[in-house]
PDB file of N, CA and C in Angstrom:
ATOM      1  N   MET A   1      -9.766  -2.830   9.462  1.00  0.00           N
ATOM      2  CA  MET A   1      -9.789  -3.408   8.133  1.00  0.00           C
ATOM      3  C   MET A   1     -10.967  -2.809   7.368  1.00  0.00           C
ATOM      4  N   ALA A   2     -10.699  -2.248   6.223  1.00  0.00           N
ATOM      5  CA  ALA A   2     -11.761  -1.695   5.382  1.00  0.00           C
ATOM      6  C   ALA A   2     -12.500  -2.837   4.709  1.00  0.00           C
ATOM      7  N   THR A   3     -13.813  -2.729   4.664  1.00  0.00           N
ATOM      8  CA  THR A   3     -14.585  -3.827   4.115  1.00  0.00           C
ATOM      9  C   THR A   3     -15.229  -3.512   2.776  1.00  0.00           C
ATOM     10  N   ASN A   4     -15.422  -2.239   2.471  1.00  0.00           N
ATOM     11  CA  ASN A   4     -16.051  -1.928   1.199  1.00  0.00           C
ATOM     12  C   ASN A   4     -14.998  -1.541   0.181  1.00  0.00           C
ATOM     13  N   ASN A   5     -15.260  -1.835  -1.077  1.00  0.00           N
ATOM     14  CA  ASN A   5     -14.337  -1.529  -2.153  1.00  0.00           C
ATOM     15  C   ASN A   5     -15.049  -0.684  -3.184  1.00  0.00           C
ATOM     16  N   PRO A   6     -15.090   0.616  -2.984  1.00  0.00           N
ATOM     17  CA  PRO A   6     -15.760   1.477  -3.956  1.00  0.00           C
ATOM     18  C   PRO A   6     -14.952   1.576  -5.247  1.00  0.00           C
ATOM     19  N   ASP A   7     -15.577   2.082  -6.281  1.00  0.00           N
ATOM     20  CA  ASP A   7     -14.871   2.359  -7.523  1.00  0.00           C
ATOM     21  C   ASP A   7     -14.284   3.757  -7.421  1.00  0.00           C
ATOM     22  N   PHE A   8     -13.031   3.883  -7.734  1.00  0.00           N
ATOM     23  CA  PHE A   8     -12.333   5.155  -7.604  1.00  0.00           C
ATOM     24  C   PHE A   8     -12.145   5.791  -8.963  1.00  0.00           C
ATOM     25  N   LYS A   9     -12.378   7.087  -9.019  1.00  0.00           N
ATOM     26  CA  LYS A   9     -12.250   7.838 -10.267  1.00  0.00           C
ATOM     27  C   LYS A   9     -10.866   8.457 -10.425  1.00  0.00           C
ATOM     28  N   SER A  10     -10.080   8.495  -9.347  1.00  0.00           N
ATOM     29  CA  SER A  10      -8.760   9.103  -9.413  1.00  0.00           C
ATOM     30  C   SER A  10      -7.844   8.450  -8.380  1.00  0.00           C
ATOM     31  N   PHE A  11      -6.557   8.629  -8.595  1.00  0.00           N
ATOM     32  CA  PHE A  11      -5.586   8.131  -7.626  1.00  0.00           C
ATOM     33  C   PHE A  11      -5.720   8.881  -6.306  1.00  0.00           C
ATOM     34  N   ALA A  12      -6.002  10.181  -6.371  1.00  0.00           N
ATOM     35  CA  ALA A  12      -6.167  10.982  -5.148  1.00  0.00           C
ATOM     36  C   ALA A  12      -7.303  10.440  -4.282  1.00  0.00           C
ATOM     37  N   ALA A  13      -8.341   9.935  -4.891  1.00  0.00           N
ATOM     38  CA  ALA A  13      -9.448   9.341  -4.140  1.00  0.00           C
ATOM     39  C   ALA A  13      -9.084   7.951  -3.627  1.00  0.00           C
ATOM     40  N   PHE A  14      -8.245   7.235  -4.362  1.00  0.00           N
ATOM     41  CA  PHE A  14      -7.852   5.873  -3.995  1.00  0.00           C
ATOM     42  C   PHE A  14      -6.857   5.840  -2.836  1.00  0.00           C
ATOM     43  N   TYR A  15      -5.910   6.760  -2.816  1.00  0.00           N
ATOM     44  CA  TYR A  15      -4.798   6.672  -1.870  1.00  0.00           C
ATOM     45  C   TYR A  15      -5.224   6.617  -0.397  1.00  0.00           C
ATOM     46  N   PRO A  16      -6.194   7.422   0.059  1.00  0.00           N
ATOM     47  CA  PRO A  16      -6.630   7.269   1.463  1.00  0.00           C
ATOM     48  C   PRO A  16      -7.185   5.870   1.754  1.00  0.00           C
ATOM     49  N   PHE A  17      -7.926   5.308   0.810  1.00  0.00           N
ATOM     50  CA  PHE A  17      -8.420   3.933   0.962  1.00  0.00           C
ATOM     51  C   PHE A  17      -7.246   2.968   1.104  1.00  0.00           C
ATOM     52  N   TYR A  18      -6.246   3.144   0.246  1.00  0.00           N
ATOM     53  CA  TYR A  18      -5.057   2.297   0.280  1.00  0.00           C
ATOM     54  C   TYR A  18      -4.372   2.380   1.644  1.00  0.00           C
ATOM     55  N   LEU A  19      -4.227   3.595   2.166  1.00  0.00           N
ATOM     56  CA  LEU A  19      -3.597   3.751   3.473  1.00  0.00           C
ATOM     57  C   LEU A  19      -4.388   3.044   4.564  1.00  0.00           C
ATOM     58  N   LEU A  20      -5.706   3.088   4.488  1.00  0.00           N
ATOM     59  CA  LEU A  20      -6.535   2.420   5.496  1.00  0.00           C
ATOM     60  C   LEU A  20      -6.405   0.904   5.432  1.00  0.00           C
ATOM     61  N   GLU A  21      -6.003   0.390   4.279  1.00  0.00           N
ATOM     62  CA  GLU A  21      -5.766  -1.045   4.128  1.00  0.00           C
ATOM     63  C   GLU A  21      -4.383  -1.443   4.665  1.00  0.00           C
ATOM     64  N   HIS A  22      -3.614  -0.460   5.140  1.00  0.00           N
ATOM     65  CA  HIS A  22      -2.248  -0.680   5.629  1.00  0.00           C
ATOM     66  C   HIS A  22      -2.065  -0.011   6.996  1.00  0.00           C
ATOM     67  N   GLN A  23      -2.975  -0.255   7.907  1.00  0.00           N
ATOM     68  CA  GLN A  23      -2.904   0.407   9.209  1.00  0.00           C
ATOM     69  C   GLN A  23      -1.898  -0.220  10.157  1.00  0.00           C
ATOM     70  N   GLN A  24      -1.613  -1.498   9.992  1.00  0.00           N
ATOM     71  CA  GLN A  24      -0.667  -2.181  10.880  1.00  0.00           C
ATOM     72  C   GLN A  24       0.766  -1.865  10.450  1.00  0.00           C
ATOM     73  N   PRO A  25       1.584  -1.349  11.367  1.00  0.00           N
ATOM     74  CA  PRO A  25       2.973  -1.022  11.008  1.00  0.00           C
ATOM     75  C   PRO A  25       3.748  -2.194  10.404  1.00  0.00           C
ATOM     76  N   LEU A  26       3.537  -3.401  10.903  1.00  0.00           N
ATOM     77  CA  LEU A  26       4.271  -4.554  10.368  1.00  0.00           C
ATOM     78  C   LEU A  26       3.901  -4.806   8.901  1.00  0.00           C
ATOM     79  N   CYS A  27       2.662  -4.597   8.557  1.00  0.00           N
ATOM     80  CA  CYS A  27       2.246  -4.758   7.161  1.00  0.00           C
ATOM     81  C   CYS A  27       3.003  -3.760   6.283  1.00  0.00           C
ATOM     82  N   ARG A  28       3.081  -2.522   6.735  1.00  0.00           N
ATOM     83  CA  ARG A  28       3.807  -1.505   5.966  1.00  0.00           C
ATOM     84  C   ARG A  28       5.295  -1.845   5.879  1.00  0.00           C
ATOM     85  N   VAL A  29       5.886  -2.318   6.973  1.00  0.00           N
ATOM     86  CA  VAL A  29       7.296  -2.701   6.967  1.00  0.00           C
ATOM     87  C   VAL A  29       7.541  -3.795   5.933  1.00  0.00           C
ATOM     88  N   LEU A  30       6.652  -4.760   5.867  1.00  0.00           N
ATOM     89  CA  LEU A  30       6.803  -5.828   4.872  1.00  0.00           C
ATOM     90  C   LEU A  30       6.727  -5.260   3.452  1.00  0.00           C
ATOM     91  N   HIS A  31       5.859  -4.277   3.244  1.00  0.00           N
ATOM     92  CA  HIS A  31       5.799  -3.609   1.940  1.00  0.00           C
ATOM     93  C   HIS A  31       7.130  -2.911   1.636  1.00  0.00           C
ATOM     94  N   TYR A  32       7.675  -2.216   2.622  1.00  0.00           N
ATOM     95  CA  TYR A  32       8.928  -1.493   2.414  1.00  0.00           C
ATOM     96  C   TYR A  32      10.081  -2.457   2.112  1.00  0.00           C
ATOM     97  N   ILE A  33      10.093  -3.589   2.788  1.00  0.00           N
ATOM     98  CA  ILE A  33      11.126  -4.595   2.511  1.00  0.00           C
ATOM     99  C   ILE A  33      10.998  -5.072   1.067  1.00  0.00           C
ATOM    100  N   GLY A  34       9.775  -5.393   0.662  1.00  0.00           N
ATOM    101  CA  GLY A  34       9.562  -5.844  -0.719  1.00  0.00           C
ATOM    102  C   GLY A  34       9.959  -4.783  -1.733  1.00  0.00           C
ATOM    103  N   SER A  35       9.585  -3.544  -1.491  1.00  0.00           N
ATOM    104  CA  SER A  35       9.924  -2.456  -2.415  1.00  0.00           C
ATOM    105  C   SER A  35      11.438  -2.247  -2.479  1.00  0.00           C
ATOM    106  N   SER A  36      12.097  -2.321  -1.335  1.00  0.00           N
ATOM    107  CA  SER A  36      13.548  -2.174  -1.308  1.00  0.00           C
ATOM    108  C   SER A  36      14.229  -3.301  -2.080  1.00  0.00           C
ATOM    109  N   LEU A  37      13.731  -4.511  -1.887  1.00  0.00           N
ATOM    110  CA  LEU A  37      14.297  -5.642  -2.618  1.00  0.00           C
ATOM    111  C   LEU A  37      14.056  -5.521  -4.120  1.00  0.00           C
ATOM    112  N   VAL A  38      12.910  -4.968  -4.515  1.00  0.00           N
ATOM    113  CA  VAL A  38      12.651  -4.729  -5.934  1.00  0.00           C
ATOM    114  C   VAL A  38      13.727  -3.807  -6.504  1.00  0.00           C
ATOM    115  N   MET A  39      14.048  -2.741  -5.780  1.00  0.00           N
ATOM    116  CA  MET A  39      15.077  -1.808  -6.265  1.00  0.00           C
ATOM    117  C   MET A  39      16.445  -2.486  -6.336  1.00  0.00           C
ATOM    118  N   ILE A  40      16.749  -3.338  -5.369  1.00  0.00           N
ATOM    119  CA  ILE A  40      18.026  -4.055  -5.371  1.00  0.00           C
ATOM    120  C   ILE A  40      18.089  -5.016  -6.552  1.00  0.00           C
ATOM    121  N   VAL A  41      17.019  -5.746  -6.795  1.00  0.00           N
ATOM    122  CA  VAL A  41      16.994  -6.684  -7.923  1.00  0.00           C
ATOM    123  C   VAL A  41      17.101  -5.928  -9.246  1.00  0.00           C
ATOM    124  N   LEU A  42      16.385  -4.809  -9.374  1.00  0.00           N
ATOM    125  CA  LEU A  42      16.494  -4.003 -10.592  1.00  0.00           C
ATOM    126  C   LEU A  42      17.928  -3.525 -10.809  1.00  0.00           C
ATOM    127  N   ALA A  43      18.573  -3.075  -9.742  1.00  0.00           N
ATOM    128  CA  ALA A  43      19.968  -2.632  -9.859  1.00  0.00           C
ATOM    129  C   ALA A  43      20.874  -3.795 -10.258  1.00  0.00           C
ATOM    130  N   ALA A  44      20.647  -4.946  -9.656  1.00  0.00           N
ATOM    131  CA  ALA A  44      21.460  -6.123  -9.985  1.00  0.00           C
ATOM    132  C   ALA A  44      21.274  -6.520 -11.453  1.00  0.00           C
ATOM    133  N   ILE A  45      20.037  -6.467 -11.930  1.00  0.00           N
ATOM    134  CA  ILE A  45      19.776  -6.782 -13.335  1.00  0.00           C
ATOM    135  C   ILE A  45      20.483  -5.777 -14.237  1.00  0.00           C
ATOM    136  N   ALA A  46      20.377  -4.492 -13.891  1.00  0.00           N
ATOM    137  CA  ALA A  46      21.002  -3.450 -14.705  1.00  0.00           C
ATOM    138  C   ALA A  46      22.530  -3.584 -14.716  1.00  0.00           C
ATOM    139  N   LEU A  47      23.100  -3.926 -13.577  1.00  0.00           N
ATOM    140  CA  LEU A  47      24.558  -4.021 -13.482  1.00  0.00           C
ATOM    141  C   LEU A  47      25.129  -5.287 -14.112  1.00  0.00           C
ATOM    142  N   THR A  48      24.365  -6.365 -14.054  1.00  0.00           N
ATOM    143  CA  THR A  48      24.887  -7.650 -14.540  1.00  0.00           C
ATOM    144  C   THR A  48      24.317  -8.069 -15.888  1.00  0.00           C
ATOM    145  N   GLY A  49      23.199  -7.462 -16.276  1.00  0.00           N
ATOM    146  CA  GLY A  49      22.548  -7.883 -17.521  1.00  0.00           C
ATOM    147  C   GLY A  49      21.849  -9.226 -17.401  1.00  0.00           C
ATOM    148  N   GLN A  50      21.654  -9.694 -16.199  1.00  0.00           N
ATOM    149  CA  GLN A  50      20.999 -10.988 -15.962  1.00  0.00           C
ATOM    150  C   GLN A  50      19.474 -10.841 -15.995  1.00  0.00           C
ATOM    151  N   TRP A  51      18.912 -10.742 -17.173  1.00  0.00           N
ATOM    152  CA  TRP A  51      17.465 -10.564 -17.318  1.00  0.00           C
ATOM    153  C   TRP A  51      16.679 -11.781 -16.833  1.00  0.00           C
ATOM    154  N   SER A  52      17.357 -12.881 -16.645  1.00  0.00           N
ATOM    155  CA  SER A  52      16.675 -14.076 -16.123  1.00  0.00           C
ATOM    156  C   SER A  52      16.242 -13.879 -14.672  1.00  0.00           C
ATOM    157  N   TRP A  53      16.761 -12.838 -14.018  1.00  0.00           N
ATOM    158  CA  TRP A  53      16.362 -12.539 -12.640  1.00  0.00           C
ATOM    159  C   TRP A  53      15.076 -11.714 -12.576  1.00  0.00           C
ATOM    160  N   PHE A  54      14.547 -11.324 -13.724  1.00  0.00           N
ATOM    161  CA  PHE A  54      13.382 -10.444 -13.766  1.00  0.00           C
ATOM    162  C   PHE A  54      12.197 -10.992 -12.971  1.00  0.00           C
ATOM    163  N   TRP A  55      12.005 -12.294 -13.009  1.00  0.00           N
ATOM    164  CA  TRP A  55      10.886 -12.921 -12.294  1.00  0.00           C
ATOM    165  C   TRP A  55      10.963 -12.672 -10.787  1.00  0.00           C
ATOM    166  N   LEU A  56      12.174 -12.432 -10.269  1.00  0.00           N
ATOM    167  CA  LEU A  56      12.320 -12.154  -8.840  1.00  0.00           C
ATOM    168  C   LEU A  56      11.595 -10.880  -8.414  1.00  0.00           C
ATOM    169  N   LEU A  57      11.428  -9.944  -9.353  1.00  0.00           N
ATOM    170  CA  LEU A  57      10.727  -8.701  -9.027  1.00  0.00           C
ATOM    171  C   LEU A  57       9.319  -8.986  -8.508  1.00  0.00           C
ATOM    172  N   PHE A  58       8.632  -9.921  -9.129  1.00  0.00           N
ATOM    173  CA  PHE A  58       7.269 -10.253  -8.720  1.00  0.00           C
ATOM    174  C   PHE A  58       7.250 -10.993  -7.388  1.00  0.00           C
ATOM    175  N   ILE A  59       8.201 -11.888  -7.200  1.00  0.00           N
ATOM    176  CA  ILE A  59       8.263 -12.660  -5.954  1.00  0.00           C
ATOM    177  C   ILE A  59       8.518 -11.740  -4.760  1.00  0.00           C
ATOM    178  N   VAL A  60       9.552 -10.896  -4.850  1.00  0.00           N
ATOM    179  CA  VAL A  60       9.878 -10.047  -3.702  1.00  0.00           C
ATOM    180  C   VAL A  60       8.892  -8.889  -3.560  1.00  0.00           C
ATOM    181  N   GLY A  61       8.441  -8.331  -4.671  1.00  0.00           N
ATOM    182  CA  GLY A  61       7.520  -7.202  -4.611  1.00  0.00           C
ATOM    183  C   GLY A  61       6.167  -7.578  -4.041  1.00  0.00           C
ATOM    184  N   TYR A  62       5.587  -8.625  -4.585  1.00  0.00           N
ATOM    185  CA  TYR A  62       4.262  -9.043  -4.119  1.00  0.00           C
ATOM    186  C   TYR A  62       4.337  -9.975  -2.918  1.00  0.00           C
ATOM    187  N   GLY A  63       5.369 -10.793  -2.836  1.00  0.00           N
ATOM    188  CA  GLY A  63       5.462 -11.779  -1.759  1.00  0.00           C
ATOM    189  C   GLY A  63       5.408 -11.158  -0.374  1.00  0.00           C
ATOM    190  N   PHE A  64       6.270 -10.183  -0.128  1.00  0.00           N
ATOM    191  CA  PHE A  64       6.289  -9.546   1.190  1.00  0.00           C
ATOM    192  C   PHE A  64       4.979  -8.798   1.459  1.00  0.00           C
ATOM    193  N   ALA A  65       4.476  -8.107   0.453  1.00  0.00           N
ATOM    194  CA  ALA A  65       3.233  -7.350   0.634  1.00  0.00           C
ATOM    195  C   ALA A  65       2.072  -8.284   0.964  1.00  0.00           C
ATOM    196  N   TRP A  66       1.972  -9.377   0.242  1.00  0.00           N
ATOM    197  CA  TRP A  66       0.837 -10.277   0.458  1.00  0.00           C
ATOM    198  C   TRP A  66       0.931 -10.992   1.800  1.00  0.00           C
ATOM    199  N   ILE A  67       2.124 -11.283   2.251  1.00  0.00           N
ATOM    200  CA  ILE A  67       2.273 -11.837   3.606  1.00  0.00           C
ATOM    201  C   ILE A  67       1.712 -10.841   4.617  1.00  0.00           C
ATOM    202  N   GLY A  68       2.026  -9.568   4.419  1.00  0.00           N
ATOM    203  CA  GLY A  68       1.498  -8.527   5.305  1.00  0.00           C
ATOM    204  C   GLY A  68      -0.013  -8.460   5.300  1.00  0.00           C
ATOM    205  N   HIS A  69      -0.614  -8.610   4.143  1.00  0.00           N
ATOM    206  CA  HIS A  69      -2.074  -8.535   4.077  1.00  0.00           C
ATOM    207  C   HIS A  69      -2.744  -9.783   4.638  1.00  0.00           C
ATOM    208  N   PHE A  70      -2.274 -10.944   4.236  1.00  0.00           N
ATOM    209  CA  PHE A  70      -2.946 -12.172   4.649  1.00  0.00           C
ATOM    210  C   PHE A  70      -2.713 -12.529   6.112  1.00  0.00           C
ATOM    211  N   PHE A  71      -1.517 -12.262   6.646  1.00  0.00           N
ATOM    212  CA  PHE A  71      -1.181 -12.719   7.989  1.00  0.00           C
ATOM    213  C   PHE A  71      -1.104 -11.611   9.039  1.00  0.00           C
ATOM    214  N   VAL A  72      -1.007 -10.364   8.625  1.00  0.00           N
ATOM    215  CA  VAL A  72      -0.913  -9.265   9.582  1.00  0.00           C
ATOM    216  C   VAL A  72      -2.181  -8.412   9.539  1.00  0.00           C
ATOM    217  N   GLU A  73      -2.490  -7.900   8.380  1.00  0.00           N
ATOM    218  CA  GLU A  73      -3.626  -6.991   8.219  1.00  0.00           C
ATOM    219  C   GLU A  73      -4.951  -7.762   8.115  1.00  0.00           C
ATOM    220  N   HIS A  74      -4.882  -9.006   7.680  1.00  0.00           N
ATOM    221  CA  HIS A  74      -6.057  -9.872   7.496  1.00  0.00           C
ATOM    222  C   HIS A  74      -7.070  -9.249   6.537  1.00  0.00           C
ATOM    223  N   ASN A  75      -6.555  -8.757   5.415  1.00  0.00           N
ATOM    224  CA  ASN A  75      -7.432  -8.233   4.376  1.00  0.00           C
ATOM    225  C   ASN A  75      -6.921  -8.673   3.006  1.00  0.00           C
ATOM    226  N   ARG A  76      -7.709  -8.380   2.015  1.00  0.00           N
ATOM    227  CA  ARG A  76      -7.366  -8.758   0.645  1.00  0.00           C
ATOM    228  C   ARG A  76      -6.571  -7.618   0.011  1.00  0.00           C
ATOM    229  N   PRO A  77      -5.406  -7.916  -0.561  1.00  0.00           N
ATOM    230  CA  PRO A  77      -4.614  -6.846  -1.157  1.00  0.00           C
ATOM    231  C   PRO A  77      -5.391  -6.065  -2.215  1.00  0.00           C
ATOM    232  N   ALA A  78      -5.231  -4.765  -2.196  1.00  0.00           N
ATOM    233  CA  ALA A  78      -5.905  -3.896  -3.172  1.00  0.00           C
ATOM    234  C   ALA A  78      -5.467  -4.208  -4.595  1.00  0.00           C
ATOM    235  N   THR A  79      -4.330  -4.863  -4.742  1.00  0.00           N
ATOM    236  CA  THR A  79      -3.811  -5.239  -6.061  1.00  0.00           C
ATOM    237  C   THR A  79      -4.822  -6.044  -6.861  1.00  0.00           C
ATOM    238  N   PHE A  80      -5.615  -6.848  -6.197  1.00  0.00           N
ATOM    239  CA  PHE A  80      -6.544  -7.716  -6.906  1.00  0.00           C
ATOM    240  C   PHE A  80      -7.637  -6.941  -7.630  1.00  0.00           C
ATOM    241  N   LYS A  81      -8.081  -5.836  -7.041  1.00  0.00           N
ATOM    242  CA  LYS A  81      -9.147  -5.053  -7.681  1.00  0.00           C
ATOM    243  C   LYS A  81      -8.621  -3.795  -8.377  1.00  0.00           C
ATOM    244  N   TYR A  82      -7.535  -3.228  -7.861  1.00  0.00           N
ATOM    245  CA  TYR A  82      -6.982  -1.969  -8.382  1.00  0.00           C
ATOM    246  C   TYR A  82      -5.489  -2.138  -8.656  1.00  0.00           C
ATOM    247  N   PRO A  83      -5.109  -2.935  -9.640  1.00  0.00           N
ATOM    248  CA  PRO A  83      -3.682  -3.247  -9.809  1.00  0.00           C
ATOM    249  C   PRO A  83      -2.793  -2.038 -10.091  1.00  0.00           C
ATOM    250  N   PHE A  84      -3.226  -1.121 -10.937  1.00  0.00           N
ATOM    251  CA  PHE A  84      -2.361   0.018 -11.276  1.00  0.00           C
ATOM    252  C   PHE A  84      -2.313   1.053 -10.159  1.00  0.00           C
ATOM    253  N   TYR A  85      -3.474   1.395  -9.602  1.00  0.00           N
ATOM    254  CA  TYR A  85      -3.498   2.324  -8.479  1.00  0.00           C
ATOM    255  C   TYR A  85      -2.718   1.754  -7.298  1.00  0.00           C
ATOM    256  N   SER A  86      -2.849   0.468  -7.072  1.00  0.00           N
ATOM    257  CA  SER A  86      -2.169  -0.174  -5.950  1.00  0.00           C
ATOM    258  C   SER A  86      -0.651  -0.126  -6.124  1.00  0.00           C
ATOM    259  N   LEU A  87      -0.172  -0.392  -7.321  1.00  0.00           N
ATOM    260  CA  LEU A  87       1.260  -0.326  -7.581  1.00  0.00           C
ATOM    261  C   LEU A  87       1.781   1.093  -7.352  1.00  0.00           C
ATOM    262  N   MET A  88       1.056   2.067  -7.868  1.00  0.00           N
ATOM    263  CA  MET A  88       1.450   3.466  -7.660  1.00  0.00           C
ATOM    264  C   MET A  88       1.419   3.818  -6.174  1.00  0.00           C
ATOM    265  N   ALA A  89       0.367   3.404  -5.483  1.00  0.00           N
ATOM    266  CA  ALA A  89       0.201   3.744  -4.067  1.00  0.00           C
ATOM    267  C   ALA A  89       1.293   3.126  -3.206  1.00  0.00           C
ATOM    268  N   ASP A  90       1.748   1.944  -3.571  1.00  0.00           N
ATOM    269  CA  ASP A  90       2.809   1.308  -2.808  1.00  0.00           C
ATOM    270  C   ASP A  90       4.063   2.176  -2.818  1.00  0.00           C
ATOM    271  N   TRP A  91       4.408   2.723  -3.969  1.00  0.00           N
ATOM    272  CA  TRP A  91       5.599   3.576  -4.065  1.00  0.00           C
ATOM    273  C   TRP A  91       5.361   4.934  -3.416  1.00  0.00           C
ATOM    274  N   VAL A  92       4.149   5.459  -3.507  1.00  0.00           N
ATOM    275  CA  VAL A  92       3.845   6.738  -2.843  1.00  0.00           C
ATOM    276  C   VAL A  92       3.900   6.551  -1.320  1.00  0.00           C
ATOM    277  N   MET A  93       3.371   5.428  -0.824  1.00  0.00           N
ATOM    278  CA  MET A  93       3.421   5.157   0.611  1.00  0.00           C
ATOM    279  C   MET A  93       4.879   5.032   1.078  1.00  0.00           C
ATOM    280  N   PHE A  94       5.707   4.373   0.294  1.00  0.00           N
ATOM    281  CA  PHE A  94       7.130   4.237   0.621  1.00  0.00           C
ATOM    282  C   PHE A  94       7.788   5.617   0.654  1.00  0.00           C
ATOM    283  N   LYS A  95       7.485   6.448  -0.340  1.00  0.00           N
ATOM    284  CA  LYS A  95       8.013   7.824  -0.382  1.00  0.00           C
ATOM    285  C   LYS A  95       7.524   8.619   0.820  1.00  0.00           C
ATOM    286  N   ASP A  96       6.239   8.486   1.152  1.00  0.00           N
ATOM    287  CA  ASP A  96       5.694   9.209   2.312  1.00  0.00           C
ATOM    288  C   ASP A  96       6.369   8.777   3.606  1.00  0.00           C
ATOM    289  N   PHE A  97       6.669   7.485   3.718  1.00  0.00           N
ATOM    290  CA  PHE A  97       7.384   6.981   4.890  1.00  0.00           C
ATOM    291  C   PHE A  97       8.789   7.590   4.952  1.00  0.00           C
ATOM    292  N   LEU A  98       9.508   7.547   3.836  1.00  0.00           N
ATOM    293  CA  LEU A  98      10.883   8.033   3.806  1.00  0.00           C
ATOM    294  C   LEU A  98      10.983   9.538   4.042  1.00  0.00           C
ATOM    295  N   THR A  99       9.939  10.275   3.665  1.00  0.00           N
ATOM    296  CA  THR A  99       9.967  11.737   3.817  1.00  0.00           C
ATOM    297  C   THR A  99       9.244  12.216   5.071  1.00  0.00           C
ATOM    298  N   GLY A 100       8.771  11.296   5.905  1.00  0.00           N
ATOM    299  CA  GLY A 100       8.125  11.670   7.157  1.00  0.00           C
ATOM    300  C   GLY A 100       6.702  12.182   7.015  1.00  0.00           C
ATOM    301  N   GLN A 101       6.069  11.939   5.881  1.00  0.00           N
ATOM    302  CA  GLN A 101       4.712  12.428   5.650  1.00  0.00           C
ATOM    303  C   GLN A 101       3.631  11.382   5.947  1.00  0.00           C
ATOM    304  N   LEU A 102       4.030  10.142   6.164  1.00  0.00           N
ATOM    305  CA  LEU A 102       3.047   9.062   6.260  1.00  0.00           C
ATOM    306  C   LEU A 102       2.127   9.186   7.469  1.00  0.00           C
ATOM    307  N   SER A 103       2.646   9.510   8.630  1.00  0.00           N
ATOM    308  CA  SER A 103       1.810   9.584   9.834  1.00  0.00           C
ATOM    309  C   SER A 103       0.663  10.568   9.657  1.00  0.00           C
ATOM    310  N   ALA A 104       0.957  11.728   9.112  1.00  0.00           N
ATOM    311  CA  ALA A 104      -0.090  12.734   8.908  1.00  0.00           C
ATOM    312  C   ALA A 104      -1.117  12.263   7.892  1.00  0.00           C
ATOM    313  N   LYS A 105      -0.669  11.623   6.829  1.00  0.00           N
ATOM    314  CA  LYS A 105      -1.607  11.154   5.801  1.00  0.00           C
ATOM    315  C   LYS A 105      -2.466   9.998   6.319  1.00  0.00           C
ATOM    316  N   LEU A 106      -1.880   9.113   7.135  1.00  0.00           N
ATOM    317  CA  LEU A 106      -2.658   8.040   7.762  1.00  0.00           C
ATOM    318  C   LEU A 106      -3.701   8.615   8.712  1.00  0.00           C
ATOM    319  N   ALA A 107      -3.298   9.591   9.514  1.00  0.00           N
ATOM    320  CA  ALA A 107      -4.227  10.219  10.458  1.00  0.00           C
ATOM    321  C   ALA A 107      -5.372  10.899   9.711  1.00  0.00           C
ATOM    322  N   LYS A 108      -5.062  11.571   8.631  1.00  0.00           N
ATOM    323  CA  LYS A 108      -6.095  12.246   7.846  1.00  0.00           C
ATOM    324  C   LYS A 108      -7.061  11.236   7.229  1.00  0.00           C
ATOM    325  N   ALA A 109      -6.538  10.167   6.670  1.00  0.00           N
ATOM    326  CA  ALA A 109      -7.400   9.139   6.076  1.00  0.00           C
ATOM    327  C   ALA A 109      -8.298   8.508   7.129  1.00  0.00           C
ATOM    328  N   THR A 110      -7.746   8.255   8.313  1.00  0.00           N
ATOM    329  CA  THR A 110      -8.516   7.653   9.403  1.00  0.00           C
ATOM    330  C   THR A 110      -9.618   8.603   9.873  1.00  0.00           C
ATOM    331  N   SER A 111      -9.289   9.879  10.034  1.00  0.00           N
ATOM    332  CA  SER A 111     -10.300  10.837  10.498  1.00  0.00           C
ATOM    333  C   SER A 111     -11.380  11.069   9.445  1.00  0.00           C
ATOM    334  N   GLU A 112     -11.001  11.076   8.179  1.00  0.00           N
ATOM    335  CA  GLU A 112     -12.003  11.233   7.117  1.00  0.00           C
ATOM    336  C   GLU A 112     -12.946  10.036   7.066  1.00  0.00           C
ATOM    337  N   LYS A 113     -12.401   8.842   7.299  1.00  0.00           N
ATOM    338  CA  LYS A 113     -13.247   7.651   7.321  1.00  0.00           C
ATOM    339  C   LYS A 113     -14.202   7.711   8.510  1.00  0.00           C
ATOM    340  N   ALA A 114     -13.695   8.103   9.666  1.00  0.00           N
ATOM    341  CA  ALA A 114     -14.540   8.212  10.858  1.00  0.00           C
ATOM    342  C   ALA A 114     -15.633   9.247  10.651  1.00  0.00           C
ATOM    343  N   ALA A 115     -15.285  10.380  10.046  1.00  0.00           N
ATOM    344  CA  ALA A 115     -16.281  11.432   9.800  1.00  0.00           C
ATOM    345  C   ALA A 115     -17.344  10.954   8.817  1.00  0.00           C
ATOM    346  N   ALA A 116     -16.944  10.174   7.837  1.00  0.00           N
ATOM    347  CA  ALA A 116     -17.902   9.669   6.845  1.00  0.00           C
ATOM    348  C   ALA A 116     -18.865   8.658   7.467  1.00  0.00           C
ATOM    349  N   GLN A 117     -18.440   8.005   8.543  1.00  0.00           N
ATOM    350  CA  GLN A 117     -19.282   6.995   9.177  1.00  0.00           C
ATOM    351  C   GLN A 117     -20.142   7.548  10.306  1.00  0.00           C
ATOM    352  N   MET A 118     -19.951   8.818  10.660  1.00  0.00           N
ATOM    353  CA  MET A 118     -20.739   9.414  11.735  1.00  0.00           C
ATOM    354  C   MET A 118     -22.177   9.624  11.283  1.00  0.00           C
ATOM    355  N   PRO A 119     -23.135   9.395  12.167  1.00  0.00           N
ATOM    356  CA  PRO A 119     -24.525   9.687  11.824  1.00  0.00           C
ATOM    357  C   PRO A 119     -24.701  11.181  11.584  1.00  0.00           C
ATOM    358  N   LEU A 120     -25.630  11.510  10.741  1.00  0.00           N
ATOM    359  CA  LEU A 120     -25.858  12.918  10.406  1.00  0.00           C
ATOM    360  C   LEU A 120     -26.276  13.753  11.615  1.00  0.00           C
ATOM    361  N   ASN A 121     -26.937  13.164  12.592  1.00  0.00           N
ATOM    362  CA  ASN A 121     -27.410  13.910  13.757  1.00  0.00           C
ATOM    363  C   ASN A 121     -26.459  13.744  14.952  1.00  0.00           C
ATOM    364  N   ALA A 122     -25.181  13.456  14.718  1.00  0.00           N
ATOM    365  CA  ALA A 122     -24.247  13.234  15.808  1.00  0.00           C
ATOM    366  C   ALA A 122     -24.024  14.470  16.660  1.00  0.00           C
ATOM    367  N   ASP A 123     -24.231  15.645  16.103  1.00  0.00           N
ATOM    368  CA  ASP A 123     -24.020  16.866  16.879  1.00  0.00           C
ATOM    369  C   ASP A 123     -25.213  17.193  17.776  1.00  0.00           C
ATOM    370  N   LEU A 124     -26.309  16.544  17.597  1.00  0.00           N
ATOM    371  CA  LEU A 124     -27.542  16.866  18.356  1.00  0.00           C
ATOM    372  C   LEU A 124     -27.535  16.235  19.724  1.00  0.00           C
TER     373      LEU A 124
END
């Protein structure tokens, strides 16, 4: 669980932090379920014109993700401090999962975090 929340100047700098906040596979699965349901609800709204269902987007999108954070990952969702970056990152993480790129990006974020925490004289 990441404990510090730095200020990010770009999405590229934010995304590795976001991935580190989603290390538990079950947390990510809950995000994917929520994102999939968002797409289903959007399609249903578009097909039926039932705009009264719009509120469901927030329930399914955030509900599953927040369950993952509070009960699986035991951290505070990045949405609270970085709402726009977090929304973008959720869809990028879903895309990375679907395209098989997520494991490598998670490994890179984890190794970069470990390298940043190493003492300067670790090679001595």
